[in-house]
Amino acid sequence: MFINPKETELKKLLQDCHNIAVVGLSSNPIHTSYTVAKYLQDHGYRVIPVNPTLKEAVLGEKPYPALEAVPEKVDIVNVFRRSEDVPPIAQAALQVKPKAIWMQLGVVNEAAAAEAVKENILVVMDRCIKLTHCSLLGTDEKSA
């Protein structure tokens, strides 16, 4: 059974990374993916929207239809999709070679996690990147 990385490892990851591709990012400000991405952007991260339905910039950033289309280095692939949708995202991430694949609250896919771990990609499942950032890096915005 998969166990998430220790908090010290997560803290180092969040301190060392800069570019976060948010797969499933919505342009609707009431959606959790948008509020989490906005929080990350407000805390110094470059947020790269990945969603084939987006045609206009989100949070001032050009969207891409797939991870493979992102022209710059991606440090973390943050997944806002259903658990059953994760395997092709993880396969694309293996090509992009991020430091981590981070599946949001409620998103769990053991098979995809195992494939990523085999390629030395850190995996986080069923955990909110915003709440983790708040608790480990001392910010006090806890609502997602």
C-alpha atoms as a PDB file:
ATOM      1  CA  MET A   1       0.000   0.000   0.000  1.00  0.00           C
ATOM      2  CA  PHE A   2       1.210   3.476  -0.929  1.00  0.00           C
ATOM      3  CA  ILE A   3       2.336   5.881   1.803  1.00  0.00           C
ATOM      4  CA  ASN A   4       2.777   9.591   1.115  1.00  0.00           C
ATOM      5  CA  PRO A   5       6.238  11.111   1.585  1.00  0.00           C
ATOM      6  CA  LYS A   6       7.216  12.467   4.989  1.00  0.00           C
ATOM      7  CA  GLU A   7       6.471  16.085   5.776  1.00  0.00           C
ATOM      8  CA  THR A   8      10.167  17.013   5.665  1.00  0.00           C
ATOM      9  CA  GLU A   9      10.339  15.702   2.095  1.00  0.00           C
ATOM     10  CA  LEU A  10       7.160  17.580   1.127  1.00  0.00           C
ATOM     11  CA  LYS A  11       8.489  20.798   2.634  1.00  0.00           C
ATOM     12  CA  LYS A  12      11.741  20.483   0.673  1.00  0.00           C
ATOM     13  CA  LEU A  13       9.791  19.768  -2.505  1.00  0.00           C
ATOM     14  CA  LEU A  14       7.632  22.875  -2.041  1.00  0.00           C
ATOM     15  CA  GLN A  15      10.684  25.002  -1.262  1.00  0.00           C
ATOM     16  CA  ASP A  16      12.717  23.754  -4.226  1.00  0.00           C
ATOM     17  CA  CYS A  17      10.046  23.792  -6.944  1.00  0.00           C
ATOM     18  CA  HIS A  18       8.849  26.744  -8.999  1.00  0.00           C
ATOM     19  CA  ASN A  19       6.742  25.548 -11.960  1.00  0.00           C
ATOM     20  CA  ILE A  20       3.513  23.700 -11.210  1.00  0.00           C
ATOM     21  CA  ALA A  21       1.379  22.316 -14.046  1.00  0.00           C
ATOM     22  CA  VAL A  22      -2.211  22.138 -12.797  1.00  0.00           C
ATOM     23  CA  VAL A  23      -3.970  19.403 -14.773  1.00  0.00           C
ATOM     24  CA  GLY A  24      -7.699  19.998 -14.778  1.00  0.00           C
ATOM     25  CA  LEU A  25      -7.441  23.689 -13.871  1.00  0.00           C
ATOM     26  CA  SER A  26     -10.757  25.475 -14.296  1.00  0.00           C
ATOM     27  CA  SER A  27     -11.147  29.097 -15.352  1.00  0.00           C
ATOM     28  CA  ASN A  28     -14.098  29.390 -12.941  1.00  0.00           C
ATOM     29  CA  PRO A  29     -12.985  31.194  -9.740  1.00  0.00           C
ATOM     30  CA  ILE A  30     -15.429  29.204  -7.588  1.00  0.00           C
ATOM     31  CA  HIS A  31     -13.810  25.865  -8.466  1.00  0.00           C
ATOM     32  CA  THR A  32     -11.257  24.437  -6.071  1.00  0.00           C
ATOM     33  CA  SER A  33      -8.666  23.971  -8.814  1.00  0.00           C
ATOM     34  CA  TYR A  34      -8.778  27.717  -9.499  1.00  0.00           C
ATOM     35  CA  THR A  35      -8.572  28.793  -5.842  1.00  0.00           C
ATOM     36  CA  VAL A  36      -5.679  26.418  -5.176  1.00  0.00           C
ATOM     37  CA  ALA A  37      -3.827  27.561  -8.312  1.00  0.00           C
ATOM     38  CA  LYS A  38      -4.402  31.218  -7.377  1.00  0.00           C
ATOM     39  CA  TYR A  39      -3.031  30.534  -3.884  1.00  0.00           C
ATOM     40  CA  LEU A  40       0.064  28.869  -5.370  1.00  0.00           C
ATOM     41  CA  GLN A  41       0.564  31.770  -7.765  1.00  0.00           C
ATOM     42  CA  ASP A  42       0.149  34.272  -4.921  1.00  0.00           C
ATOM     43  CA  HIS A  43       2.909  32.418  -3.054  1.00  0.00           C
ATOM     44  CA  GLY A  44       5.477  32.683  -5.824  1.00  0.00           C
ATOM     45  CA  TYR A  45       4.859  29.591  -7.936  1.00  0.00           C
ATOM     46  CA  ARG A  46       4.469  29.678 -11.696  1.00  0.00           C
ATOM     47  CA  VAL A  47       1.147  27.989 -12.419  1.00  0.00           C
ATOM     48  CA  ILE A  48       0.808  26.359 -15.829  1.00  0.00           C
ATOM     49  CA  PRO A  49      -2.819  25.552 -16.763  1.00  0.00           C
ATOM     50  CA  VAL A  50      -3.308  22.159 -18.435  1.00  0.00           C
ATOM     51  CA  ASN A  51      -6.829  21.561 -19.705  1.00  0.00           C
ATOM     52  CA  PRO A  52      -7.865  20.857 -23.316  1.00  0.00           C
ATOM     53  CA  THR A  53     -11.087  22.868 -22.896  1.00  0.00           C
ATOM     54  CA  LEU A  54      -9.308  26.123 -21.979  1.00  0.00           C
ATOM     55  CA  LYS A  55      -8.817  28.529 -24.867  1.00  0.00           C
ATOM     56  CA  GLU A  56      -8.047  31.759 -22.975  1.00  0.00           C
ATOM     57  CA  ALA A  57      -5.414  32.577 -20.351  1.00  0.00           C
ATOM     58  CA  VAL A  58      -6.179  31.567 -16.777  1.00  0.00           C
ATOM     59  CA  LEU A  59      -4.575  33.533 -13.957  1.00  0.00           C
ATOM     60  CA  GLY A  60      -2.622  35.347 -16.643  1.00  0.00           C
ATOM     61  CA  GLU A  61      -1.057  32.128 -17.940  1.00  0.00           C
ATOM     62  CA  LYS A  62      -1.445  30.481 -21.347  1.00  0.00           C
ATOM     63  CA  PRO A  63      -3.218  27.119 -21.062  1.00  0.00           C
ATOM     64  CA  TYR A  64      -1.979  23.938 -22.715  1.00  0.00           C
ATOM     65  CA  PRO A  65      -4.141  21.027 -23.871  1.00  0.00           C
ATOM     66  CA  ALA A  66      -1.798  18.377 -22.431  1.00  0.00           C
ATOM     67  CA  LEU A  67       1.369  18.053 -20.359  1.00  0.00           C
ATOM     68  CA  GLU A  68       3.372  17.136 -23.428  1.00  0.00           C
ATOM     69  CA  ALA A  69       2.527  20.533 -24.964  1.00  0.00           C
ATOM     70  CA  VAL A  70       4.065  22.538 -22.099  1.00  0.00           C
ATOM     71  CA  PRO A  71       7.279  24.016 -23.513  1.00  0.00           C
ATOM     72  CA  GLU A  72       9.098  24.621 -20.213  1.00  0.00           C
ATOM     73  CA  LYS A  73      10.286  22.510 -17.308  1.00  0.00           C
ATOM     74  CA  VAL A  74       7.536  21.306 -14.979  1.00  0.00           C
ATOM     75  CA  ASP A  75       8.569  20.671 -11.374  1.00  0.00           C
ATOM     76  CA  ILE A  76       5.236  19.394 -10.021  1.00  0.00           C
ATOM     77  CA  VAL A  77       2.251  17.963 -11.875  1.00  0.00           C
ATOM     78  CA  ASN A  78      -0.748  18.818  -9.682  1.00  0.00           C
ATOM     79  CA  VAL A  79      -3.762  16.669 -10.624  1.00  0.00           C
ATOM     80  CA  PHE A  80      -7.360  17.865 -10.300  1.00  0.00           C
ATOM     81  CA  ARG A  81      -9.007  14.958 -12.129  1.00  0.00           C
ATOM     82  CA  ARG A  82     -10.894  11.852 -11.057  1.00  0.00           C
ATOM     83  CA  SER A  83      -8.829   8.919  -9.821  1.00  0.00           C
ATOM     84  CA  GLU A  84      -9.693   6.813 -12.871  1.00  0.00           C
ATOM     85  CA  ASP A  85      -8.387   9.597 -15.154  1.00  0.00           C
ATOM     86  CA  VAL A  86      -4.910   9.593 -13.587  1.00  0.00           C
ATOM     87  CA  PRO A  87      -3.109   6.809 -15.559  1.00  0.00           C
ATOM     88  CA  PRO A  88      -2.772   8.728 -18.859  1.00  0.00           C
ATOM     89  CA  ILE A  89      -1.786  11.864 -16.925  1.00  0.00           C
ATOM     90  CA  ALA A  90       0.887   9.894 -15.092  1.00  0.00           C
ATOM     91  CA  GLN A  91       2.116   8.412 -18.392  1.00  0.00           C
ATOM     92  CA  ALA A  92       2.426  11.928 -19.826  1.00  0.00           C
ATOM     93  CA  ALA A  93       4.212  13.037 -16.668  1.00  0.00           C
ATOM     94  CA  LEU A  94       6.764  10.263 -17.120  1.00  0.00           C
ATOM     95  CA  GLN A  95       7.714  11.932 -20.422  1.00  0.00           C
ATOM     96  CA  VAL A  96       7.870  15.415 -18.846  1.00  0.00           C
ATOM     97  CA  LYS A  97       9.929  14.124 -15.886  1.00  0.00           C
ATOM     98  CA  PRO A  98       8.696  16.360 -13.056  1.00  0.00           C
ATOM     99  CA  LYS A  99      10.076  16.067  -9.555  1.00  0.00           C
ATOM    100  CA  ALA A 100       6.603  15.082  -8.333  1.00  0.00           C
ATOM    101  CA  ILE A 101       3.069  14.105  -9.260  1.00  0.00           C
ATOM    102  CA  TRP A 102       0.669  15.516  -6.670  1.00  0.00           C
ATOM    103  CA  MET A 103      -2.888  14.152  -6.654  1.00  0.00           C
ATOM    104  CA  GLN A 104      -5.359  16.377  -4.831  1.00  0.00           C
ATOM    105  CA  LEU A 105      -7.744  15.377  -2.034  1.00  0.00           C
ATOM    106  CA  GLY A 106      -9.840  12.384  -3.050  1.00  0.00           C
ATOM    107  CA  VAL A 107      -7.567  11.480  -5.964  1.00  0.00           C
ATOM    108  CA  VAL A 108      -5.877   8.102  -5.554  1.00  0.00           C
ATOM    109  CA  ASN A 109      -4.470   5.744  -8.166  1.00  0.00           C
ATOM    110  CA  GLU A 110      -2.078   3.124  -6.819  1.00  0.00           C
ATOM    111  CA  ALA A 111      -1.058   1.770 -10.247  1.00  0.00           C
ATOM    112  CA  ALA A 112      -0.152   5.218 -11.596  1.00  0.00           C
ATOM    113  CA  ALA A 113       1.733   5.989  -8.391  1.00  0.00           C
ATOM    114  CA  ALA A 114       3.738   2.757  -8.674  1.00  0.00           C
ATOM    115  CA  GLU A 115       4.749   3.589 -12.267  1.00  0.00           C
ATOM    116  CA  ALA A 116       5.898   7.076 -11.294  1.00  0.00           C
ATOM    117  CA  VAL A 117       7.837   5.854  -8.256  1.00  0.00           C
ATOM    118  CA  LYS A 118       9.653   3.346 -10.506  1.00  0.00           C
ATOM    119  CA  GLU A 119      10.876   6.344 -12.503  1.00  0.00           C
ATOM    120  CA  ASN A 120      12.056   8.141  -9.335  1.00  0.00           C
ATOM    121  CA  ILE A 121       9.210  10.649  -9.412  1.00  0.00           C
ATOM    122  CA  LEU A 122       7.876  11.584  -5.997  1.00  0.00           C
ATOM    123  CA  VAL A 123       4.152  10.882  -5.632  1.00  0.00           C
ATOM    124  CA  VAL A 124       1.631  12.465  -3.281  1.00  0.00           C
ATOM    125  CA  MET A 125      -1.955  11.203  -3.241  1.00  0.00           C
ATOM    126  CA  ASP A 126      -5.163  12.337  -1.583  1.00  0.00           C
ATOM    127  CA  ARG A 127      -3.608  15.502  -0.175  1.00  0.00           C
ATOM    128  CA  CYS A 128      -4.209  19.176  -0.950  1.00  0.00           C
ATOM    129  CA  ILE A 129      -1.071  21.014  -2.074  1.00  0.00           C
ATOM    130  CA  LYS A 130      -2.460  24.315  -0.734  1.00  0.00           C
ATOM    131  CA  LEU A 131      -3.221  22.972   2.737  1.00  0.00           C
ATOM    132  CA  THR A 132       0.154  21.243   2.815  1.00  0.00           C
ATOM    133  CA  HIS A 133       1.896  24.473   1.828  1.00  0.00           C
ATOM    134  CA  CYS A 134      -0.019  26.340   4.557  1.00  0.00           C
ATOM    135  CA  SER A 135       0.914  23.873   7.270  1.00  0.00           C
ATOM    136  CA  LEU A 136       4.553  23.293   6.280  1.00  0.00           C
ATOM    137  CA  LEU A 137       5.597  26.751   5.168  1.00  0.00           C
ATOM    138  CA  GLY A 138       3.819  28.773   7.809  1.00  0.00           C
ATOM    139  CA  THR A 139       1.073  30.552   5.940  1.00  0.00           C
ATOM    140  CA  ASP A 140      -2.290  30.833   7.638  1.00  0.00           C
ATOM    141  CA  GLU A 141      -4.686  30.661   4.676  1.00  0.00           C
ATOM    142  CA  LYS A 142      -6.317  27.275   5.223  1.00  0.00           C
ATOM    143  CA  SER A 143      -9.509  27.455   3.189  1.00  0.00           C
ATOM    144  CA  ALA A 144      -9.350  25.746  -0.176  1.00  0.00           C
END
